[in-house]
Protein backbone atom coordinates (compact mmCIF):
# COMPACT_ATOMS: atom_id res chain seq x y z
CA UNK A 1 0.00 0.00 0.00
CA UNK A 2 2.88 2.37 0.75
CA UNK A 3 4.20 1.85 -2.80
CA UNK A 4 0.82 2.74 -4.29
CA UNK A 5 0.52 5.89 -2.17
CA UNK A 6 4.07 6.97 -3.08
CA UNK A 7 3.36 6.47 -6.78
CA UNK A 8 0.05 8.33 -6.47
CA UNK A 9 1.85 11.32 -4.95
CA UNK A 10 4.55 11.15 -7.61
CA UNK A 11 1.80 11.03 -10.23
CA UNK A 12 0.29 14.21 -8.82
CA UNK A 13 3.66 15.98 -9.07
CA UNK A 14 4.43 14.69 -12.57
CA UNK A 15 0.91 15.53 -13.74
CA UNK A 16 1.24 19.06 -12.36
CA UNK A 17 4.49 19.61 -14.27
CA UNK A 18 3.08 18.21 -17.52
CA UNK A 19 -0.14 20.18 -17.09
CA UNK A 20 1.76 23.41 -16.43
CA UNK A 21 3.86 22.90 -19.56
CA UNK A 22 0.74 22.22 -21.63
CA UNK A 23 -0.85 25.42 -20.34
CA UNK A 24 2.27 27.42 -21.20
CA UNK A 25 2.30 25.90 -24.70
CA UNK A 26 -1.28 26.82 -25.59
CA UNK A 27 -1.86 29.03 -28.59
CA UNK A 28 -4.26 31.96 -28.05
CA UNK A 29 -6.98 30.14 -30.01
CA UNK A 30 -6.56 26.94 -27.98
CA UNK A 31 -6.56 28.94 -24.74
CA UNK A 32 -9.84 30.68 -25.63
CA UNK A 33 -11.42 27.34 -26.55
CA UNK A 34 -10.35 25.70 -23.29
CA UNK A 35 -11.48 28.65 -21.16
CA UNK A 36 -14.85 28.53 -22.92
CA UNK A 37 -15.23 24.82 -22.14
CA UNK A 38 -13.63 24.53 -18.71
CA UNK A 39 -13.86 28.05 -17.30
CA UNK A 40 -10.10 28.29 -16.72
CA UNK A 41 -7.01 26.97 -18.43
CA UNK A 42 -5.64 25.98 -15.02
CA UNK A 43 -8.24 23.22 -14.87
CA UNK A 44 -5.94 21.42 -17.33
CA UNK A 45 -3.33 21.13 -14.59
CA UNK A 46 -5.80 19.62 -12.11
CA UNK A 47 -7.05 17.15 -14.73
CA UNK A 48 -3.49 16.15 -15.64
CA UNK A 49 -2.60 15.66 -11.97
CA UNK A 50 -5.59 13.47 -11.16
CA UNK A 51 -5.44 11.48 -14.37
CA UNK A 52 -1.73 10.76 -14.00
CA UNK A 53 -1.98 9.86 -10.31
CA UNK A 54 -4.97 7.55 -10.72
CA UNK A 55 -3.58 5.70 -13.74
CA UNK A 56 -0.16 5.33 -12.11
CA UNK A 57 -1.77 4.01 -8.93
CA UNK A 58 -3.82 1.44 -10.85
CA UNK A 59 -0.78 0.35 -12.88
CA UNK A 60 1.23 -0.04 -9.68
CA UNK A 61 -1.40 -2.26 -8.11
CA UNK A 62 -1.58 -4.36 -11.28
CA UNK A 63 2.20 -4.66 -11.43
CA UNK A 64 2.54 -5.56 -7.76
CA UNK A 65 -0.04 -8.30 -8.22
CA UNK A 66 1.10 -9.73 -11.57
CA UNK A 67 4.89 -9.27 -11.59
CA UNK A 68 5.66 -12.04 -9.04
CA UNK A 69 3.57 -14.46 -11.11
CA UNK A 70 5.74 -14.00 -14.21
CA UNK A 71 9.15 -13.37 -12.66
CA UNK A 72 9.24 -9.64 -13.29
CA UNK A 73 9.47 -8.56 -9.65
CA UNK A 74 13.23 -8.16 -9.63
CA UNK A 75 14.34 -6.24 -6.52
CA UNK A 76 16.55 -3.26 -7.20
CA UNK A 77 20.22 -4.04 -6.83
CA UNK A 78 23.13 -1.79 -7.75
CA UNK A 79 24.77 -3.43 -10.74
CA UNK A 80 27.33 -1.82 -13.04
CA UNK A 81 26.36 -4.01 -15.99
CA UNK A 82 22.72 -3.05 -15.60
CA UNK A 83 23.62 0.63 -15.38
CA UNK A 84 25.77 0.31 -18.51
CA UNK A 85 22.96 -1.48 -20.35
CA UNK A 86 20.43 1.20 -19.34
CA UNK A 87 22.66 4.10 -20.37
CA UNK A 88 23.59 2.35 -23.66
CA UNK A 89 19.93 1.80 -24.53
CA UNK A 90 19.18 5.37 -23.47
CA UNK A 91 21.90 6.65 -25.82
CA UNK A 92 20.76 4.43 -28.70
CA UNK A 93 17.15 5.50 -28.18
CA UNK A 94 18.14 9.17 -28.11
CA UNK A 95 19.97 8.72 -31.42
CA UNK A 96 16.99 6.88 -32.93
CA UNK A 97 14.82 9.86 -32.01
CA UNK A 98 17.05 12.87 -32.68
CA UNK A 99 18.83 11.84 -35.88
CA UNK A 100 15.73 10.88 -37.94
CA UNK A 101 14.06 14.00 -36.57
CA UNK A 102 16.87 16.11 -38.03
CA UNK A 103 17.47 14.24 -41.29
CA UNK A 104 13.92 13.26 -42.25
CA UNK A 105 11.05 14.72 -40.29
CA UNK A 106 12.00 18.29 -39.35
CA UNK A 107 11.93 19.75 -42.85
CA UNK A 108 9.13 17.53 -44.14
CA UNK A 109 6.79 18.40 -41.27
CA UNK A 110 7.91 22.01 -40.82
CA UNK A 111 9.27 21.50 -37.31
CA UNK A 112 11.33 24.14 -35.52
CA UNK A 113 14.91 24.10 -36.75
CA UNK A 114 16.22 25.56 -33.49
CA UNK A 115 16.04 23.73 -30.18
CA UNK A 116 14.94 25.77 -27.17
CA UNK A 117 15.69 24.14 -23.84
CA UNK A 118 12.94 24.33 -21.22
CA UNK A 119 13.52 23.35 -17.60
CA UNK A 120 9.80 22.68 -17.16
CA UNK A 121 9.68 20.35 -20.18
CA UNK A 122 12.91 18.67 -19.06
CA UNK A 123 11.52 18.03 -15.58
CA UNK A 124 8.28 16.71 -17.06
CA UNK A 125 10.23 14.41 -19.37
CA UNK A 126 12.15 12.93 -16.46
CA UNK A 127 9.24 12.60 -14.02
CA UNK A 128 6.45 11.66 -16.41
CA UNK A 129 8.34 10.13 -19.32
CA UNK A 130 11.12 8.44 -17.42
CA UNK A 131 9.21 7.24 -14.35
CA UNK A 132 5.43 7.38 -14.76
CA UNK A 133 5.40 6.01 -18.31
CA UNK A 134 7.53 3.06 -17.21
CA UNK A 135 5.10 2.35 -14.37
CA UNK A 136 2.15 2.56 -16.77
CA UNK A 137 3.54 0.81 -19.82
CA UNK A 138 6.07 -1.64 -18.45
CA UNK A 139 5.20 -2.40 -14.80
CA UNK A 140 1.46 -2.28 -15.36
CA UNK A 141 0.59 -3.04 -18.97
CA UNK A 142 3.51 -5.19 -20.13
CA UNK A 143 3.36 -7.30 -16.97
CA UNK A 144 -0.36 -7.95 -17.43
CA UNK A 145 0.10 -8.81 -21.12
CA UNK A 146 2.77 -11.34 -20.23
CA UNK A 147 0.66 -12.81 -17.42
CA UNK A 148 -2.34 -13.19 -19.76
CA UNK A 149 -0.13 -14.73 -22.46
CA UNK A 150 1.34 -17.16 -19.94
CA UNK A 151 -2.15 -18.28 -18.95
CA UNK A 152 -3.26 -18.65 -22.56
CA UNK A 153 -0.18 -20.59 -23.66
CA UNK A 154 0.52 -22.31 -20.32
CA UNK A 155 4.20 -21.56 -20.78
CA UNK A 156 5.23 -19.06 -18.13
CA UNK A 157 8.96 -19.44 -18.83
CA UNK A 158 8.83 -19.04 -22.62
CA UNK A 159 10.93 -16.19 -24.01
CA UNK A 160 8.27 -15.71 -26.69
CA UNK A 161 5.67 -14.37 -24.29
CA UNK A 162 8.11 -11.84 -22.88
CA UNK A 163 9.08 -10.67 -26.36
CA UNK A 164 5.41 -10.43 -27.33
CA UNK A 165 4.70 -8.41 -24.19
CA UNK A 166 7.61 -6.07 -24.96
CA UNK A 167 6.42 -5.51 -28.55
CA UNK A 168 2.74 -4.99 -27.71
CA UNK A 169 3.54 -2.60 -24.85
CA UNK A 170 5.94 -0.68 -27.12
CA UNK A 171 3.26 -0.39 -29.82
CA UNK A 172 0.74 0.92 -27.31
CA UNK A 173 3.40 3.25 -25.89
CA UNK A 174 3.93 4.67 -29.38
CA UNK A 175 0.21 4.87 -30.14
CA UNK A 176 -0.34 6.74 -26.89
CA UNK A 177 1.64 9.66 -28.33
CA UNK A 178 -0.66 10.05 -31.36
CA UNK A 179 -3.20 12.43 -29.74
CA UNK A 180 -0.41 14.91 -28.92
CA UNK A 181 0.93 14.53 -32.45
CA UNK A 182 -2.50 15.20 -33.93
CA UNK A 183 -2.78 18.35 -31.84
CA UNK A 184 0.66 19.67 -32.80
CA UNK A 185 1.16 18.44 -36.36
CA UNK A 186 -2.20 17.19 -37.56
CA UNK A 187 -2.80 13.68 -38.83
CA UNK A 188 -0.90 12.59 -41.93
CA UNK A 189 0.93 9.40 -42.95
CA UNK A 190 4.26 11.10 -42.24
CA UNK A 191 3.32 12.51 -38.83
CA UNK A 192 1.84 9.17 -37.74
CA UNK A 193 4.92 7.30 -39.01
CA UNK A 194 7.17 9.70 -37.10
CA UNK A 195 5.29 9.22 -33.85
CA UNK A 196 5.09 5.45 -34.09
CA UNK A 197 8.69 4.95 -35.20
CA UNK A 198 10.36 7.34 -32.78
CA UNK A 199 8.49 5.90 -29.80
CA UNK A 200 8.17 2.21 -30.72
CA UNK A 201 11.89 1.50 -31.08
CA UNK A 202 12.87 3.06 -27.73
CA UNK A 203 9.92 1.24 -26.14
CA UNK A 204 11.47 -2.07 -27.23
CA UNK A 205 14.67 -1.13 -25.43
CA UNK A 206 12.91 -0.11 -22.22
CA UNK A 207 10.88 -3.33 -22.27
CA UNK A 208 14.07 -5.34 -22.61
CA UNK A 209 15.58 -3.53 -19.64
CA UNK A 210 12.50 -4.23 -17.54
CA UNK A 211 12.60 -7.92 -18.48
CA UNK A 212 16.29 -8.53 -17.97
CA UNK A 213 17.33 -5.94 -15.38
CA UNK A 214 14.23 -4.70 -13.57
CA UNK A 215 11.92 -1.69 -13.51
CA UNK A 216 14.46 0.71 -12.02
CA UNK A 217 16.81 0.16 -14.95
CA UNK A 218 13.99 0.61 -17.47
CA UNK A 219 13.37 3.97 -15.79
CA UNK A 220 17.09 4.79 -15.93
CA UNK A 221 17.21 3.95 -19.63
CA UNK A 222 14.16 6.11 -20.36
CA UNK A 223 15.50 9.01 -18.27
CA UNK A 224 18.87 8.72 -20.01
CA UNK A 225 17.14 9.11 -23.37
CA UNK A 226 15.59 12.42 -22.35
CA UNK A 227 18.75 13.73 -20.70
CA UNK A 228 20.99 12.85 -23.67
CA UNK A 229 18.50 14.24 -26.16
CA UNK A 230 17.76 17.53 -24.44
CA UNK A 231 21.20 18.25 -23.05
CA UNK A 232 23.42 16.98 -25.90
CA UNK A 233 21.87 15.78 -29.18
CA UNK A 234 19.05 18.23 -29.86
CA UNK A 235 21.15 21.33 -29.00
CA UNK A 236 23.85 20.03 -31.37
CA UNK A 237 21.54 19.07 -34.22
CA UNK A 238 19.10 21.97 -33.98
CA UNK A 239 21.35 24.98 -33.43
C-alpha atoms as a PDB file:
ATOM      1  CA  UNK A   1       0.000   0.000   0.000  1.00  0.00           C
ATOM      2  CA  UNK A   2       2.883   2.368   0.751  1.00  0.00           C
ATOM      3  CA  UNK A   3       4.196   1.855  -2.800  1.00  0.00           C
ATOM      4  CA  UNK A   4       0.819   2.743  -4.291  1.00  0.00           C
ATOM      5  CA  UNK A   5       0.519   5.891  -2.175  1.00  0.00           C
ATOM      6  CA  UNK A   6       4.070   6.970  -3.080  1.00  0.00           C
ATOM      7  CA  UNK A   7       3.364   6.466  -6.782  1.00  0.00           C
ATOM      8  CA  UNK A   8       0.054   8.327  -6.468  1.00  0.00           C
ATOM      9  CA  UNK A   9       1.851  11.323  -4.952  1.00  0.00           C
ATOM     10  CA  UNK A  10       4.552  11.152  -7.612  1.00  0.00           C
ATOM     11  CA  UNK A  11       1.798  11.026 -10.231  1.00  0.00           C
ATOM     12  CA  UNK A  12       0.285  14.214  -8.824  1.00  0.00           C
ATOM     13  CA  UNK A  13       3.664  15.976  -9.070  1.00  0.00           C
ATOM     14  CA  UNK A  14       4.426  14.690 -12.570  1.00  0.00           C
ATOM     15  CA  UNK A  15       0.910  15.532 -13.736  1.00  0.00           C
ATOM     16  CA  UNK A  16       1.239  19.059 -12.359  1.00  0.00           C
ATOM     17  CA  UNK A  17       4.489  19.614 -14.266  1.00  0.00           C
ATOM     18  CA  UNK A  18       3.077  18.208 -17.515  1.00  0.00           C
ATOM     19  CA  UNK A  19      -0.145  20.183 -17.092  1.00  0.00           C
ATOM     20  CA  UNK A  20       1.760  23.406 -16.434  1.00  0.00           C
ATOM     21  CA  UNK A  21       3.862  22.900 -19.560  1.00  0.00           C
ATOM     22  CA  UNK A  22       0.741  22.221 -21.626  1.00  0.00           C
ATOM     23  CA  UNK A  23      -0.851  25.419 -20.340  1.00  0.00           C
ATOM     24  CA  UNK A  24       2.271  27.418 -21.204  1.00  0.00           C
ATOM     25  CA  UNK A  25       2.299  25.902 -24.703  1.00  0.00           C
ATOM     26  CA  UNK A  26      -1.285  26.822 -25.589  1.00  0.00           C
ATOM     27  CA  UNK A  27      -1.859  29.028 -28.586  1.00  0.00           C
ATOM     28  CA  UNK A  28      -4.258  31.963 -28.047  1.00  0.00           C
ATOM     29  CA  UNK A  29      -6.976  30.137 -30.006  1.00  0.00           C
ATOM     30  CA  UNK A  30      -6.562  26.939 -27.979  1.00  0.00           C
ATOM     31  CA  UNK A  31      -6.565  28.939 -24.737  1.00  0.00           C
ATOM     32  CA  UNK A  32      -9.841  30.679 -25.630  1.00  0.00           C
ATOM     33  CA  UNK A  33     -11.423  27.341 -26.546  1.00  0.00           C
ATOM     34  CA  UNK A  34     -10.350  25.700 -23.293  1.00  0.00           C
ATOM     35  CA  UNK A  35     -11.480  28.647 -21.156  1.00  0.00           C
ATOM     36  CA  UNK A  36     -14.853  28.531 -22.915  1.00  0.00           C
ATOM     37  CA  UNK A  37     -15.227  24.816 -22.144  1.00  0.00           C
ATOM     38  CA  UNK A  38     -13.631  24.534 -18.712  1.00  0.00           C
ATOM     39  CA  UNK A  39     -13.857  28.045 -17.297  1.00  0.00           C
ATOM     40  CA  UNK A  40     -10.099  28.287 -16.717  1.00  0.00           C
ATOM     41  CA  UNK A  41      -7.005  26.975 -18.428  1.00  0.00           C
ATOM     42  CA  UNK A  42      -5.639  25.981 -15.023  1.00  0.00           C
ATOM     43  CA  UNK A  43      -8.238  23.216 -14.873  1.00  0.00           C
ATOM     44  CA  UNK A  44      -5.945  21.415 -17.325  1.00  0.00           C
ATOM     45  CA  UNK A  45      -3.334  21.128 -14.586  1.00  0.00           C
ATOM     46  CA  UNK A  46      -5.804  19.622 -12.114  1.00  0.00           C
ATOM     47  CA  UNK A  47      -7.046  17.151 -14.726  1.00  0.00           C
ATOM     48  CA  UNK A  48      -3.490  16.154 -15.639  1.00  0.00           C
ATOM     49  CA  UNK A  49      -2.603  15.664 -11.968  1.00  0.00           C
ATOM     50  CA  UNK A  50      -5.592  13.471 -11.163  1.00  0.00           C
ATOM     51  CA  UNK A  51      -5.441  11.480 -14.367  1.00  0.00           C
ATOM     52  CA  UNK A  52      -1.728  10.757 -13.995  1.00  0.00           C
ATOM     53  CA  UNK A  53      -1.979   9.859 -10.313  1.00  0.00           C
ATOM     54  CA  UNK A  54      -4.975   7.550 -10.720  1.00  0.00           C
ATOM     55  CA  UNK A  55      -3.582   5.701 -13.740  1.00  0.00           C
ATOM     56  CA  UNK A  56      -0.162   5.327 -12.109  1.00  0.00           C
ATOM     57  CA  UNK A  57      -1.766   4.006  -8.931  1.00  0.00           C
ATOM     58  CA  UNK A  58      -3.822   1.442 -10.853  1.00  0.00           C
ATOM     59  CA  UNK A  59      -0.775   0.349 -12.877  1.00  0.00           C
ATOM     60  CA  UNK A  60       1.230  -0.037  -9.676  1.00  0.00           C
ATOM     61  CA  UNK A  61      -1.403  -2.259  -8.108  1.00  0.00           C
ATOM     62  CA  UNK A  62      -1.581  -4.358 -11.281  1.00  0.00           C
ATOM     63  CA  UNK A  63       2.195  -4.660 -11.426  1.00  0.00           C
ATOM     64  CA  UNK A  64       2.543  -5.558  -7.764  1.00  0.00           C
ATOM     65  CA  UNK A  65      -0.044  -8.299  -8.218  1.00  0.00           C
ATOM     66  CA  UNK A  66       1.099  -9.732 -11.565  1.00  0.00           C
ATOM     67  CA  UNK A  67       4.892  -9.267 -11.588  1.00  0.00           C
ATOM     68  CA  UNK A  68       5.660 -12.041  -9.044  1.00  0.00           C
ATOM     69  CA  UNK A  69       3.575 -14.461 -11.107  1.00  0.00           C
ATOM     70  CA  UNK A  70       5.741 -13.996 -14.213  1.00  0.00           C
ATOM     71  CA  UNK A  71       9.149 -13.373 -12.661  1.00  0.00           C
ATOM     72  CA  UNK A  72       9.244  -9.639 -13.293  1.00  0.00           C
ATOM     73  CA  UNK A  73       9.468  -8.558  -9.649  1.00  0.00           C
ATOM     74  CA  UNK A  74      13.231  -8.159  -9.634  1.00  0.00           C
ATOM     75  CA  UNK A  75      14.343  -6.242  -6.523  1.00  0.00           C
ATOM     76  CA  UNK A  76      16.548  -3.256  -7.199  1.00  0.00           C
ATOM     77  CA  UNK A  77      20.223  -4.043  -6.828  1.00  0.00           C
ATOM     78  CA  UNK A  78      23.125  -1.787  -7.750  1.00  0.00           C
ATOM     79  CA  UNK A  79      24.770  -3.429 -10.740  1.00  0.00           C
ATOM     80  CA  UNK A  80      27.329  -1.820 -13.044  1.00  0.00           C
ATOM     81  CA  UNK A  81      26.363  -4.007 -15.988  1.00  0.00           C
ATOM     82  CA  UNK A  82      22.715  -3.053 -15.595  1.00  0.00           C
ATOM     83  CA  UNK A  83      23.624   0.628 -15.383  1.00  0.00           C
ATOM     84  CA  UNK A  84      25.769   0.314 -18.505  1.00  0.00           C
ATOM     85  CA  UNK A  85      22.961  -1.479 -20.345  1.00  0.00           C
ATOM     86  CA  UNK A  86      20.427   1.196 -19.337  1.00  0.00           C
ATOM     87  CA  UNK A  87      22.664   4.102 -20.374  1.00  0.00           C
ATOM     88  CA  UNK A  88      23.594   2.352 -23.655  1.00  0.00           C
ATOM     89  CA  UNK A  89      19.927   1.801 -24.526  1.00  0.00           C
ATOM     90  CA  UNK A  90      19.180   5.367 -23.473  1.00  0.00           C
ATOM     91  CA  UNK A  91      21.897   6.648 -25.820  1.00  0.00           C
ATOM     92  CA  UNK A  92      20.758   4.430 -28.697  1.00  0.00           C
ATOM     93  CA  UNK A  93      17.149   5.501 -28.175  1.00  0.00           C
ATOM     94  CA  UNK A  94      18.145   9.168 -28.105  1.00  0.00           C
ATOM     95  CA  UNK A  95      19.972   8.719 -31.423  1.00  0.00           C
ATOM     96  CA  UNK A  96      16.994   6.882 -32.927  1.00  0.00           C
ATOM     97  CA  UNK A  97      14.821   9.864 -32.009  1.00  0.00           C
ATOM     98  CA  UNK A  98      17.053  12.871 -32.676  1.00  0.00           C
ATOM     99  CA  UNK A  99      18.835  11.844 -35.882  1.00  0.00           C
ATOM    100  CA  UNK A 100      15.729  10.880 -37.939  1.00  0.00           C
ATOM    101  CA  UNK A 101      14.061  13.996 -36.568  1.00  0.00           C
ATOM    102  CA  UNK A 102      16.869  16.112 -38.033  1.00  0.00           C
ATOM    103  CA  UNK A 103      17.467  14.239 -41.287  1.00  0.00           C
ATOM    104  CA  UNK A 104      13.923  13.256 -42.251  1.00  0.00           C
ATOM    105  CA  UNK A 105      11.049  14.723 -40.293  1.00  0.00           C
ATOM    106  CA  UNK A 106      12.004  18.291 -39.348  1.00  0.00           C
ATOM    107  CA  UNK A 107      11.928  19.749 -42.848  1.00  0.00           C
ATOM    108  CA  UNK A 108       9.128  17.526 -44.136  1.00  0.00           C
ATOM    109  CA  UNK A 109       6.792  18.398 -41.269  1.00  0.00           C
ATOM    110  CA  UNK A 110       7.909  22.009 -40.818  1.00  0.00           C
ATOM    111  CA  UNK A 111       9.266  21.502 -37.305  1.00  0.00           C
ATOM    112  CA  UNK A 112      11.327  24.141 -35.523  1.00  0.00           C
ATOM    113  CA  UNK A 113      14.913  24.104 -36.755  1.00  0.00           C
ATOM    114  CA  UNK A 114      16.219  25.565 -33.492  1.00  0.00           C
ATOM    115  CA  UNK A 115      16.045  23.728 -30.178  1.00  0.00           C
ATOM    116  CA  UNK A 116      14.937  25.775 -27.171  1.00  0.00           C
ATOM    117  CA  UNK A 117      15.692  24.140 -23.844  1.00  0.00           C
ATOM    118  CA  UNK A 118      12.938  24.327 -21.222  1.00  0.00           C
ATOM    119  CA  UNK A 119      13.516  23.346 -17.601  1.00  0.00           C
ATOM    120  CA  UNK A 120       9.796  22.677 -17.162  1.00  0.00           C
ATOM    121  CA  UNK A 121       9.678  20.349 -20.180  1.00  0.00           C
ATOM    122  CA  UNK A 122      12.912  18.666 -19.057  1.00  0.00           C
ATOM    123  CA  UNK A 123      11.518  18.034 -15.579  1.00  0.00           C
ATOM    124  CA  UNK A 124       8.284  16.713 -17.060  1.00  0.00           C
ATOM    125  CA  UNK A 125      10.231  14.407 -19.369  1.00  0.00           C
ATOM    126  CA  UNK A 126      12.148  12.929 -16.459  1.00  0.00           C
ATOM    127  CA  UNK A 127       9.240  12.599 -14.023  1.00  0.00           C
ATOM    128  CA  UNK A 128       6.448  11.658 -16.406  1.00  0.00           C
ATOM    129  CA  UNK A 129       8.344  10.132 -19.322  1.00  0.00           C
ATOM    130  CA  UNK A 130      11.116   8.440 -17.425  1.00  0.00           C
ATOM    131  CA  UNK A 131       9.213   7.242 -14.351  1.00  0.00           C
ATOM    132  CA  UNK A 132       5.428   7.382 -14.756  1.00  0.00           C
ATOM    133  CA  UNK A 133       5.399   6.005 -18.311  1.00  0.00           C
ATOM    134  CA  UNK A 134       7.525   3.058 -17.214  1.00  0.00           C
ATOM    135  CA  UNK A 135       5.104   2.350 -14.369  1.00  0.00           C
ATOM    136  CA  UNK A 136       2.153   2.562 -16.767  1.00  0.00           C
ATOM    137  CA  UNK A 137       3.544   0.812 -19.824  1.00  0.00           C
ATOM    138  CA  UNK A 138       6.066  -1.643 -18.451  1.00  0.00           C
ATOM    139  CA  UNK A 139       5.204  -2.398 -14.800  1.00  0.00           C
ATOM    140  CA  UNK A 140       1.457  -2.285 -15.357  1.00  0.00           C
ATOM    141  CA  UNK A 141       0.593  -3.038 -18.969  1.00  0.00           C
ATOM    142  CA  UNK A 142       3.506  -5.191 -20.134  1.00  0.00           C
ATOM    143  CA  UNK A 143       3.358  -7.296 -16.973  1.00  0.00           C
ATOM    144  CA  UNK A 144      -0.364  -7.946 -17.432  1.00  0.00           C
ATOM    145  CA  UNK A 145       0.098  -8.810 -21.117  1.00  0.00           C
ATOM    146  CA  UNK A 146       2.774 -11.344 -20.228  1.00  0.00           C
ATOM    147  CA  UNK A 147       0.664 -12.809 -17.418  1.00  0.00           C
ATOM    148  CA  UNK A 148      -2.341 -13.188 -19.755  1.00  0.00           C
ATOM    149  CA  UNK A 149      -0.133 -14.730 -22.459  1.00  0.00           C
ATOM    150  CA  UNK A 150       1.341 -17.162 -19.938  1.00  0.00           C
ATOM    151  CA  UNK A 151      -2.149 -18.280 -18.950  1.00  0.00           C
ATOM    152  CA  UNK A 152      -3.263 -18.647 -22.564  1.00  0.00           C
ATOM    153  CA  UNK A 153      -0.184 -20.590 -23.661  1.00  0.00           C
ATOM    154  CA  UNK A 154       0.516 -22.315 -20.321  1.00  0.00           C
ATOM    155  CA  UNK A 155       4.204 -21.557 -20.783  1.00  0.00           C
ATOM    156  CA  UNK A 156       5.227 -19.064 -18.131  1.00  0.00           C
ATOM    157  CA  UNK A 157       8.958 -19.443 -18.829  1.00  0.00           C
ATOM    158  CA  UNK A 158       8.826 -19.037 -22.616  1.00  0.00           C
ATOM    159  CA  UNK A 159      10.926 -16.192 -24.012  1.00  0.00           C
ATOM    160  CA  UNK A 160       8.272 -15.708 -26.687  1.00  0.00           C
ATOM    161  CA  UNK A 161       5.668 -14.369 -24.289  1.00  0.00           C
ATOM    162  CA  UNK A 162       8.115 -11.836 -22.876  1.00  0.00           C
ATOM    163  CA  UNK A 163       9.081 -10.674 -26.364  1.00  0.00           C
ATOM    164  CA  UNK A 164       5.411 -10.433 -27.329  1.00  0.00           C
ATOM    165  CA  UNK A 165       4.704  -8.406 -24.191  1.00  0.00           C
ATOM    166  CA  UNK A 166       7.607  -6.075 -24.960  1.00  0.00           C
ATOM    167  CA  UNK A 167       6.424  -5.515 -28.550  1.00  0.00           C
ATOM    168  CA  UNK A 168       2.736  -4.987 -27.713  1.00  0.00           C
ATOM    169  CA  UNK A 169       3.544  -2.600 -24.851  1.00  0.00           C
ATOM    170  CA  UNK A 170       5.939  -0.679 -27.124  1.00  0.00           C
ATOM    171  CA  UNK A 171       3.261  -0.393 -29.824  1.00  0.00           C
ATOM    172  CA  UNK A 172       0.737   0.917 -27.315  1.00  0.00           C
ATOM    173  CA  UNK A 173       3.404   3.249 -25.887  1.00  0.00           C
ATOM    174  CA  UNK A 174       3.930   4.666 -29.376  1.00  0.00           C
ATOM    175  CA  UNK A 175       0.213   4.870 -30.144  1.00  0.00           C
ATOM    176  CA  UNK A 176      -0.342   6.740 -26.894  1.00  0.00           C
ATOM    177  CA  UNK A 177       1.642   9.663 -28.329  1.00  0.00           C
ATOM    178  CA  UNK A 178      -0.662  10.047 -31.360  1.00  0.00           C
ATOM    179  CA  UNK A 179      -3.199  12.431 -29.741  1.00  0.00           C
ATOM    180  CA  UNK A 180      -0.410  14.909 -28.917  1.00  0.00           C
ATOM    181  CA  UNK A 181       0.932  14.527 -32.452  1.00  0.00           C
ATOM    182  CA  UNK A 182      -2.497  15.205 -33.934  1.00  0.00           C
ATOM    183  CA  UNK A 183      -2.777  18.352 -31.838  1.00  0.00           C
ATOM    184  CA  UNK A 184       0.660  19.672 -32.797  1.00  0.00           C
ATOM    185  CA  UNK A 185       1.160  18.440 -36.362  1.00  0.00           C
ATOM    186  CA  UNK A 186      -2.201  17.190 -37.556  1.00  0.00           C
ATOM    187  CA  UNK A 187      -2.799  13.680 -38.828  1.00  0.00           C
ATOM    188  CA  UNK A 188      -0.898  12.588 -41.930  1.00  0.00           C
ATOM    189  CA  UNK A 189       0.929   9.399 -42.949  1.00  0.00           C
ATOM    190  CA  UNK A 190       4.262  11.097 -42.237  1.00  0.00           C
ATOM    191  CA  UNK A 191       3.324  12.509 -38.828  1.00  0.00           C
ATOM    192  CA  UNK A 192       1.843   9.170 -37.740  1.00  0.00           C
ATOM    193  CA  UNK A 193       4.922   7.301 -39.007  1.00  0.00           C
ATOM    194  CA  UNK A 194       7.170   9.699 -37.103  1.00  0.00           C
ATOM    195  CA  UNK A 195       5.292   9.225 -33.854  1.00  0.00           C
ATOM    196  CA  UNK A 196       5.086   5.446 -34.086  1.00  0.00           C
ATOM    197  CA  UNK A 197       8.686   4.949 -35.201  1.00  0.00           C
ATOM    198  CA  UNK A 198      10.359   7.336 -32.784  1.00  0.00           C
ATOM    199  CA  UNK A 199       8.491   5.897 -29.803  1.00  0.00           C
ATOM    200  CA  UNK A 200       8.167   2.208 -30.724  1.00  0.00           C
ATOM    201  CA  UNK A 201      11.886   1.505 -31.082  1.00  0.00           C
ATOM    202  CA  UNK A 202      12.865   3.064 -27.725  1.00  0.00           C
ATOM    203  CA  UNK A 203       9.919   1.237 -26.138  1.00  0.00           C
ATOM    204  CA  UNK A 204      11.469  -2.070 -27.231  1.00  0.00           C
ATOM    205  CA  UNK A 205      14.672  -1.128 -25.425  1.00  0.00           C
ATOM    206  CA  UNK A 206      12.908  -0.107 -22.217  1.00  0.00           C
ATOM    207  CA  UNK A 207      10.880  -3.326 -22.272  1.00  0.00           C
ATOM    208  CA  UNK A 208      14.066  -5.345 -22.605  1.00  0.00           C
ATOM    209  CA  UNK A 209      15.583  -3.526 -19.638  1.00  0.00           C
ATOM    210  CA  UNK A 210      12.498  -4.234 -17.540  1.00  0.00           C
ATOM    211  CA  UNK A 211      12.597  -7.916 -18.481  1.00  0.00           C
ATOM    212  CA  UNK A 212      16.290  -8.525 -17.965  1.00  0.00           C
ATOM    213  CA  UNK A 213      17.329  -5.944 -15.379  1.00  0.00           C
ATOM    214  CA  UNK A 214      14.227  -4.704 -13.566  1.00  0.00           C
ATOM    215  CA  UNK A 215      11.923  -1.692 -13.513  1.00  0.00           C
ATOM    216  CA  UNK A 216      14.463   0.709 -12.015  1.00  0.00           C
ATOM    217  CA  UNK A 217      16.812   0.162 -14.951  1.00  0.00           C
ATOM    218  CA  UNK A 218      13.990   0.612 -17.472  1.00  0.00           C
ATOM    219  CA  UNK A 219      13.373   3.968 -15.794  1.00  0.00           C
ATOM    220  CA  UNK A 220      17.090   4.786 -15.933  1.00  0.00           C
ATOM    221  CA  UNK A 221      17.214   3.953 -19.634  1.00  0.00           C
ATOM    222  CA  UNK A 222      14.160   6.114 -20.356  1.00  0.00           C
ATOM    223  CA  UNK A 223      15.500   9.006 -18.270  1.00  0.00           C
ATOM    224  CA  UNK A 224      18.874   8.715 -20.008  1.00  0.00           C
ATOM    225  CA  UNK A 225      17.145   9.113 -23.374  1.00  0.00           C
ATOM    226  CA  UNK A 226      15.585  12.417 -22.351  1.00  0.00           C
ATOM    227  CA  UNK A 227      18.749  13.727 -20.704  1.00  0.00           C
ATOM    228  CA  UNK A 228      20.988  12.853 -23.667  1.00  0.00           C
ATOM    229  CA  UNK A 229      18.496  14.239 -26.162  1.00  0.00           C
ATOM    230  CA  UNK A 230      17.756  17.525 -24.435  1.00  0.00           C
ATOM    231  CA  UNK A 231      21.203  18.251 -23.052  1.00  0.00           C
ATOM    232  CA  UNK A 232      23.420  16.977 -25.899  1.00  0.00           C
ATOM    233  CA  UNK A 233      21.869  15.778 -29.177  1.00  0.00           C
ATOM    234  CA  UNK A 234      19.046  18.225 -29.857  1.00  0.00           C
ATOM    235  CA  UNK A 235      21.147  21.327 -29.000  1.00  0.00           C
ATOM    236  CA  UNK A 236      23.854  20.034 -31.366  1.00  0.00           C
ATOM    237  CA  UNK A 237      21.540  19.065 -34.221  1.00  0.00           C
ATOM    238  CA  UNK A 238      19.101  21.968 -33.984  1.00  0.00           C
ATOM    239  CA  UNK A 239      21.348  24.978 -33.429  1.00  0.00           C
END
